[in-house]
C-alpha atoms as a PDB file:
ATOM      1  CA  UNK A   1     123.138  98.181  96.928  1.00  0.00           C
ATOM      2  CA  UNK A   2     122.748 100.114 100.093  1.00  0.00           C
ATOM      3  CA  UNK A   3     122.369  98.908 103.684  1.00  0.00           C
ATOM      4  CA  UNK A   4     118.602  98.857 103.143  1.00  0.00           C
ATOM      5  CA  UNK A   5     118.026  97.980  99.533  1.00  0.00           C
ATOM      6  CA  UNK A   6     119.366  95.899  96.682  1.00  0.00           C
ATOM      7  CA  UNK A   7     118.788  96.315  92.941  1.00  0.00           C
ATOM      8  CA  UNK A   8     119.414  94.449  89.740  1.00  0.00           C
ATOM      9  CA  UNK A   9     119.221  95.676  86.159  1.00  0.00           C
ATOM     10  CA  UNK A  10     119.150  93.734  82.893  1.00  0.00           C
ATOM     11  CA  UNK A  11     118.551  94.591  79.263  1.00  0.00           C
ATOM     12  CA  UNK A  12     115.763  92.312  77.951  1.00  0.00           C
ATOM     13  CA  UNK A  13     115.027  91.641  74.279  1.00  0.00           C
ATOM     14  CA  UNK A  14     111.386  92.636  74.475  1.00  0.00           C
ATOM     15  CA  UNK A  15     109.401  95.818  74.319  1.00  0.00           C
ATOM     16  CA  UNK A  16     108.566  97.658  77.530  1.00  0.00           C
ATOM     17  CA  UNK A  17     104.873  97.093  76.734  1.00  0.00           C
ATOM     18  CA  UNK A  18     105.393  93.250  76.503  1.00  0.00           C
ATOM     19  CA  UNK A  19     107.336  93.128  79.739  1.00  0.00           C
ATOM     20  CA  UNK A  20     104.963  95.401  81.665  1.00  0.00           C
ATOM     21  CA  UNK A  21     101.933  93.446  80.405  1.00  0.00           C
ATOM     22  CA  UNK A  22     103.548  90.207  81.618  1.00  0.00           C
ATOM     23  CA  UNK A  23     104.637  91.485  84.996  1.00  0.00           C
ATOM     24  CA  UNK A  24     101.335  93.247  85.715  1.00  0.00           C
ATOM     25  CA  UNK A  25      99.640  89.821  85.824  1.00  0.00           C
ATOM     26  CA  UNK A  26     100.293  88.278  89.280  1.00  0.00           C
ATOM     27  CA  UNK A  27      99.676  84.819  87.796  1.00  0.00           C
ATOM     28  CA  UNK A  28     103.164  85.087  86.255  1.00  0.00           C
ATOM     29  CA  UNK A  29     105.051  85.971  89.414  1.00  0.00           C
ATOM     30  CA  UNK A  30     105.816  82.454  90.563  1.00  0.00           C
ATOM     31  CA  UNK A  31     107.487  81.669  87.189  1.00  0.00           C
ATOM     32  CA  UNK A  32     109.667  84.760  87.639  1.00  0.00           C
ATOM     33  CA  UNK A  33     110.660  84.498  91.286  1.00  0.00           C
ATOM     34  CA  UNK A  34     114.393  83.771  91.676  1.00  0.00           C
ATOM     35  CA  UNK A  35     114.102  83.251  95.452  1.00  0.00           C
ATOM     36  CA  UNK A  36     111.768  80.253  95.339  1.00  0.00           C
ATOM     37  CA  UNK A  37     109.337  81.800  97.861  1.00  0.00           C
ATOM     38  CA  UNK A  38     106.478  82.747  95.496  1.00  0.00           C
ATOM     39  CA  UNK A  39     104.357  79.701  94.831  1.00  0.00           C
ATOM     40  CA  UNK A  40     101.312  81.129  93.024  1.00  0.00           C
ATOM     41  CA  UNK A  41      98.883  83.992  93.003  1.00  0.00           C
ATOM     42  CA  UNK A  42      95.607  83.759  94.842  1.00  0.00           C
ATOM     43  CA  UNK A  43      93.462  84.470  91.767  1.00  0.00           C
ATOM     44  CA  UNK A  44      94.399  88.117  91.694  1.00  0.00           C
ATOM     45  CA  UNK A  45      93.283  90.445  88.947  1.00  0.00           C
ATOM     46  CA  UNK A  46      95.742  92.175  86.587  1.00  0.00           C
ATOM     47  CA  UNK A  47      97.344  95.193  88.139  1.00  0.00           C
ATOM     48  CA  UNK A  48      95.842  98.286  86.568  1.00  0.00           C
ATOM     49  CA  UNK A  49      96.630 101.080  89.000  1.00  0.00           C
ATOM     50  CA  UNK A  50      97.845 102.225  92.376  1.00  0.00           C
ATOM     51  CA  UNK A  51      95.672 101.266  95.308  1.00  0.00           C
ATOM     52  CA  UNK A  52      95.072  97.683  94.214  1.00  0.00           C
ATOM     53  CA  UNK A  53      95.995  94.751  96.408  1.00  0.00           C
ATOM     54  CA  UNK A  54      97.014  91.324  95.029  1.00  0.00           C
ATOM     55  CA  UNK A  55      97.583  88.232  97.156  1.00  0.00           C
ATOM     56  CA  UNK A  56     100.344  85.681  96.665  1.00  0.00           C
ATOM     57  CA  UNK A  57     100.831  82.190  98.049  1.00  0.00           C
ATOM     58  CA  UNK A  58     104.389  81.837  99.406  1.00  0.00           C
ATOM     59  CA  UNK A  59     106.606  79.466 101.309  1.00  0.00           C
ATOM     60  CA  UNK A  60     109.579  80.257 103.526  1.00  0.00           C
ATOM     61  CA  UNK A  61     110.916  78.469 106.616  1.00  0.00           C
ATOM     62  CA  UNK A  62     111.356  81.735 108.503  1.00  0.00           C
ATOM     63  CA  UNK A  63     107.575  82.362 108.093  1.00  0.00           C
ATOM     64  CA  UNK A  64     106.739  78.806 109.321  1.00  0.00           C
ATOM     65  CA  UNK A  65     106.361  77.307 105.816  1.00  0.00           C
ATOM     66  CA  UNK A  66     103.321  78.208 103.679  1.00  0.00           C
ATOM     67  CA  UNK A  67     101.717  81.648 104.077  1.00  0.00           C
ATOM     68  CA  UNK A  68     100.098  84.475 102.052  1.00  0.00           C
ATOM     69  CA  UNK A  69     101.096  88.006 101.395  1.00  0.00           C
ATOM     70  CA  UNK A  70      99.038  91.009 100.392  1.00  0.00           C
ATOM     71  CA  UNK A  71     100.842  93.303  97.981  1.00  0.00           C
ATOM     72  CA  UNK A  72      99.639  96.942  98.026  1.00  0.00           C
ATOM     73  CA  UNK A  73     100.313  98.606  94.678  1.00  0.00           C
ATOM     74  CA  UNK A  74     101.966 101.984  95.354  1.00  0.00           C
ATOM     75  CA  UNK A  75     103.304 102.823  91.941  1.00  0.00           C
ATOM     76  CA  UNK A  76     101.842 102.387  88.479  1.00  0.00           C
ATOM     77  CA  UNK A  77     102.932 104.142  85.311  1.00  0.00           C
ATOM     78  CA  UNK A  78     102.182 101.913  82.316  1.00  0.00           C
ATOM     79  CA  UNK A  79     105.247 100.552  80.604  1.00  0.00           C
ATOM     80  CA  UNK A  80     107.505 102.541  82.959  1.00  0.00           C
ATOM     81  CA  UNK A  81     106.915 101.674  86.658  1.00  0.00           C
ATOM     82  CA  UNK A  82     105.307  99.047  88.814  1.00  0.00           C
ATOM     83  CA  UNK A  83     105.770  99.031  92.612  1.00  0.00           C
ATOM     84  CA  UNK A  84     104.135  97.420  95.649  1.00  0.00           C
ATOM     85  CA  UNK A  85     104.552  97.086  99.434  1.00  0.00           C
ATOM     86  CA  UNK A  86     104.312  93.548 100.767  1.00  0.00           C
ATOM     87  CA  UNK A  87     102.575  92.526 104.030  1.00  0.00           C
ATOM     88  CA  UNK A  88     101.495  89.329 105.718  1.00  0.00           C
ATOM     89  CA  UNK A  89      97.913  88.736 104.490  1.00  0.00           C
ATOM     90  CA  UNK A  90      95.356  90.892 106.314  1.00  0.00           C
ATOM     91  CA  UNK A  91      97.992  93.201 107.774  1.00  0.00           C
ATOM     92  CA  UNK A  92      99.348  96.652 106.918  1.00  0.00           C
ATOM     93  CA  UNK A  93     102.671  96.693 105.050  1.00  0.00           C
ATOM     94  CA  UNK A  94     105.530  96.783 107.607  1.00  0.00           C
ATOM     95  CA  UNK A  95     107.887  98.688 105.279  1.00  0.00           C
ATOM     96  CA  UNK A  96     109.423  96.743 102.482  1.00  0.00           C
ATOM     97  CA  UNK A  97     108.664  97.351  98.820  1.00  0.00           C
ATOM     98  CA  UNK A  98     109.434  96.160  95.358  1.00  0.00           C
ATOM     99  CA  UNK A  99     109.976  98.747  92.583  1.00  0.00           C
ATOM    100  CA  UNK A 100     110.212  97.722  88.928  1.00  0.00           C
ATOM    101  CA  UNK A 101     111.300 100.269  86.307  1.00  0.00           C
ATOM    102  CA  UNK A 102     111.205  99.862  82.557  1.00  0.00           C
ATOM    103  CA  UNK A 103     113.193 101.990  80.061  1.00  0.00           C
ATOM    104  CA  UNK A 104     112.840 101.296  76.381  1.00  0.00           C
ATOM    105  CA  UNK A 105     116.217 101.229  74.684  1.00  0.00           C
ATOM    106  CA  UNK A 106     114.892 100.343  71.251  1.00  0.00           C
ATOM    107  CA  UNK A 107     111.767  98.920  69.581  1.00  0.00           C
ATOM    108  CA  UNK A 108     112.467  95.468  70.948  1.00  0.00           C
ATOM    109  CA  UNK A 109     114.819  96.131  73.872  1.00  0.00           C
ATOM    110  CA  UNK A 110     114.191  97.361  77.444  1.00  0.00           C
ATOM    111  CA  UNK A 111     116.358  98.010  80.479  1.00  0.00           C
ATOM    112  CA  UNK A 112     114.462  96.525  83.446  1.00  0.00           C
ATOM    113  CA  UNK A 113     115.497  97.175  86.979  1.00  0.00           C
ATOM    114  CA  UNK A 114     114.002  95.746  90.162  1.00  0.00           C
ATOM    115  CA  UNK A 115     114.751  97.182  93.580  1.00  0.00           C
ATOM    116  CA  UNK A 116     113.942  95.468  96.882  1.00  0.00           C
ATOM    117  CA  UNK A 117     113.931  98.222  99.582  1.00  0.00           C
ATOM    118  CA  UNK A 118     113.356  97.661 103.260  1.00  0.00           C
ATOM    119  CA  UNK A 119     114.482 101.138 104.439  1.00  0.00           C
ATOM    120  CA  UNK A 120     111.018 101.906 105.882  1.00  0.00           C
ATOM    121  CA  UNK A 121     110.991  98.855 108.205  1.00  0.00           C
ATOM    122  CA  UNK A 122     111.219 100.255 111.730  1.00  0.00           C
ATOM    123  CA  UNK A 123     110.157  97.235 113.843  1.00  0.00           C
ATOM    124  CA  UNK A 124     113.446  96.084 115.390  1.00  0.00           C
ATOM    125  CA  UNK A 125     112.053  92.612 116.160  1.00  0.00           C
ATOM    126  CA  UNK A 126     110.930  92.208 112.571  1.00  0.00           C
ATOM    127  CA  UNK A 127     114.360  93.316 111.322  1.00  0.00           C
ATOM    128  CA  UNK A 128     115.984  90.722 113.557  1.00  0.00           C
ATOM    129  CA  UNK A 129     113.527  87.928 112.734  1.00  0.00           C
ATOM    130  CA  UNK A 130     113.578  88.326 108.939  1.00  0.00           C
ATOM    131  CA  UNK A 131     117.243  89.232 108.685  1.00  0.00           C
ATOM    132  CA  UNK A 132     116.987  91.555 105.668  1.00  0.00           C
ATOM    133  CA  UNK A 133     117.540  91.186 102.901  1.00  0.00           C
ATOM    134  CA  UNK A 134     115.192  88.197 102.789  1.00  0.00           C
ATOM    135  CA  UNK A 135     115.926  87.931  99.053  1.00  0.00           C
ATOM    136  CA  UNK A 136     119.528  87.853  97.859  1.00  0.00           C
ATOM    137  CA  UNK A 137     121.218  89.808  95.035  1.00  0.00           C
ATOM    138  CA  UNK A 138     121.563  86.522  93.178  1.00  0.00           C
ATOM    139  CA  UNK A 139     117.768  85.904  93.527  1.00  0.00           C
ATOM    140  CA  UNK A 140     117.014  89.302  92.086  1.00  0.00           C
ATOM    141  CA  UNK A 141     119.294  88.706  89.139  1.00  0.00           C
ATOM    142  CA  UNK A 142     117.713  85.244  88.697  1.00  0.00           C
ATOM    143  CA  UNK A 143     114.292  86.877  88.711  1.00  0.00           C
ATOM    144  CA  UNK A 144     115.392  89.171  85.857  1.00  0.00           C
ATOM    145  CA  UNK A 145     116.841  86.136  83.964  1.00  0.00           C
ATOM    146  CA  UNK A 146     113.533  84.285  84.384  1.00  0.00           C
ATOM    147  CA  UNK A 147     111.638  87.338  83.130  1.00  0.00           C
ATOM    148  CA  UNK A 148     113.912  87.586  80.067  1.00  0.00           C
ATOM    149  CA  UNK A 149     113.397  83.860  79.331  1.00  0.00           C
ATOM    150  CA  UNK A 150     109.577  84.382  79.475  1.00  0.00           C
ATOM    151  CA  UNK A 151     109.253  87.451  77.309  1.00  0.00           C
ATOM    152  CA  UNK A 152     112.255  87.721  74.977  1.00  0.00           C
ATOM    153  CA  UNK A 153     111.332  88.359  71.406  1.00  0.00           C
ATOM    154  CA  UNK A 154     114.769  87.549  69.966  1.00  0.00           C
END
């Protein structure tokens, strides 16, 4: 953890391909979310490359309850990396991103890390309003536990 990012890593009993395939479908994100903010996807297509945008339905009191986010895919390397910058729907990303990395440690085992990074947020009012990190370390670890429960092959 730094002052502007938090990360969590877990070894999951599933192949990198299985995990990547699961995570690249936004329809699965609500089941994984350890923060409780992600409610559902907004009928987004599977993530297949950088430049795509997928929309999620969310809820959070600091955002006034229910709202949507557009997630701009900025990193895609099949079975190795998936990353996106999040923005309120219809807006440009204000600077926070999610980076998932997958490293196979065997035929049915993968080290998965997720990093939530807000180092590019420069809007002082936004920093004050949201109070980064908006998602806790425990929530990140919960997300990885949820992912493991969904995809484990053991």
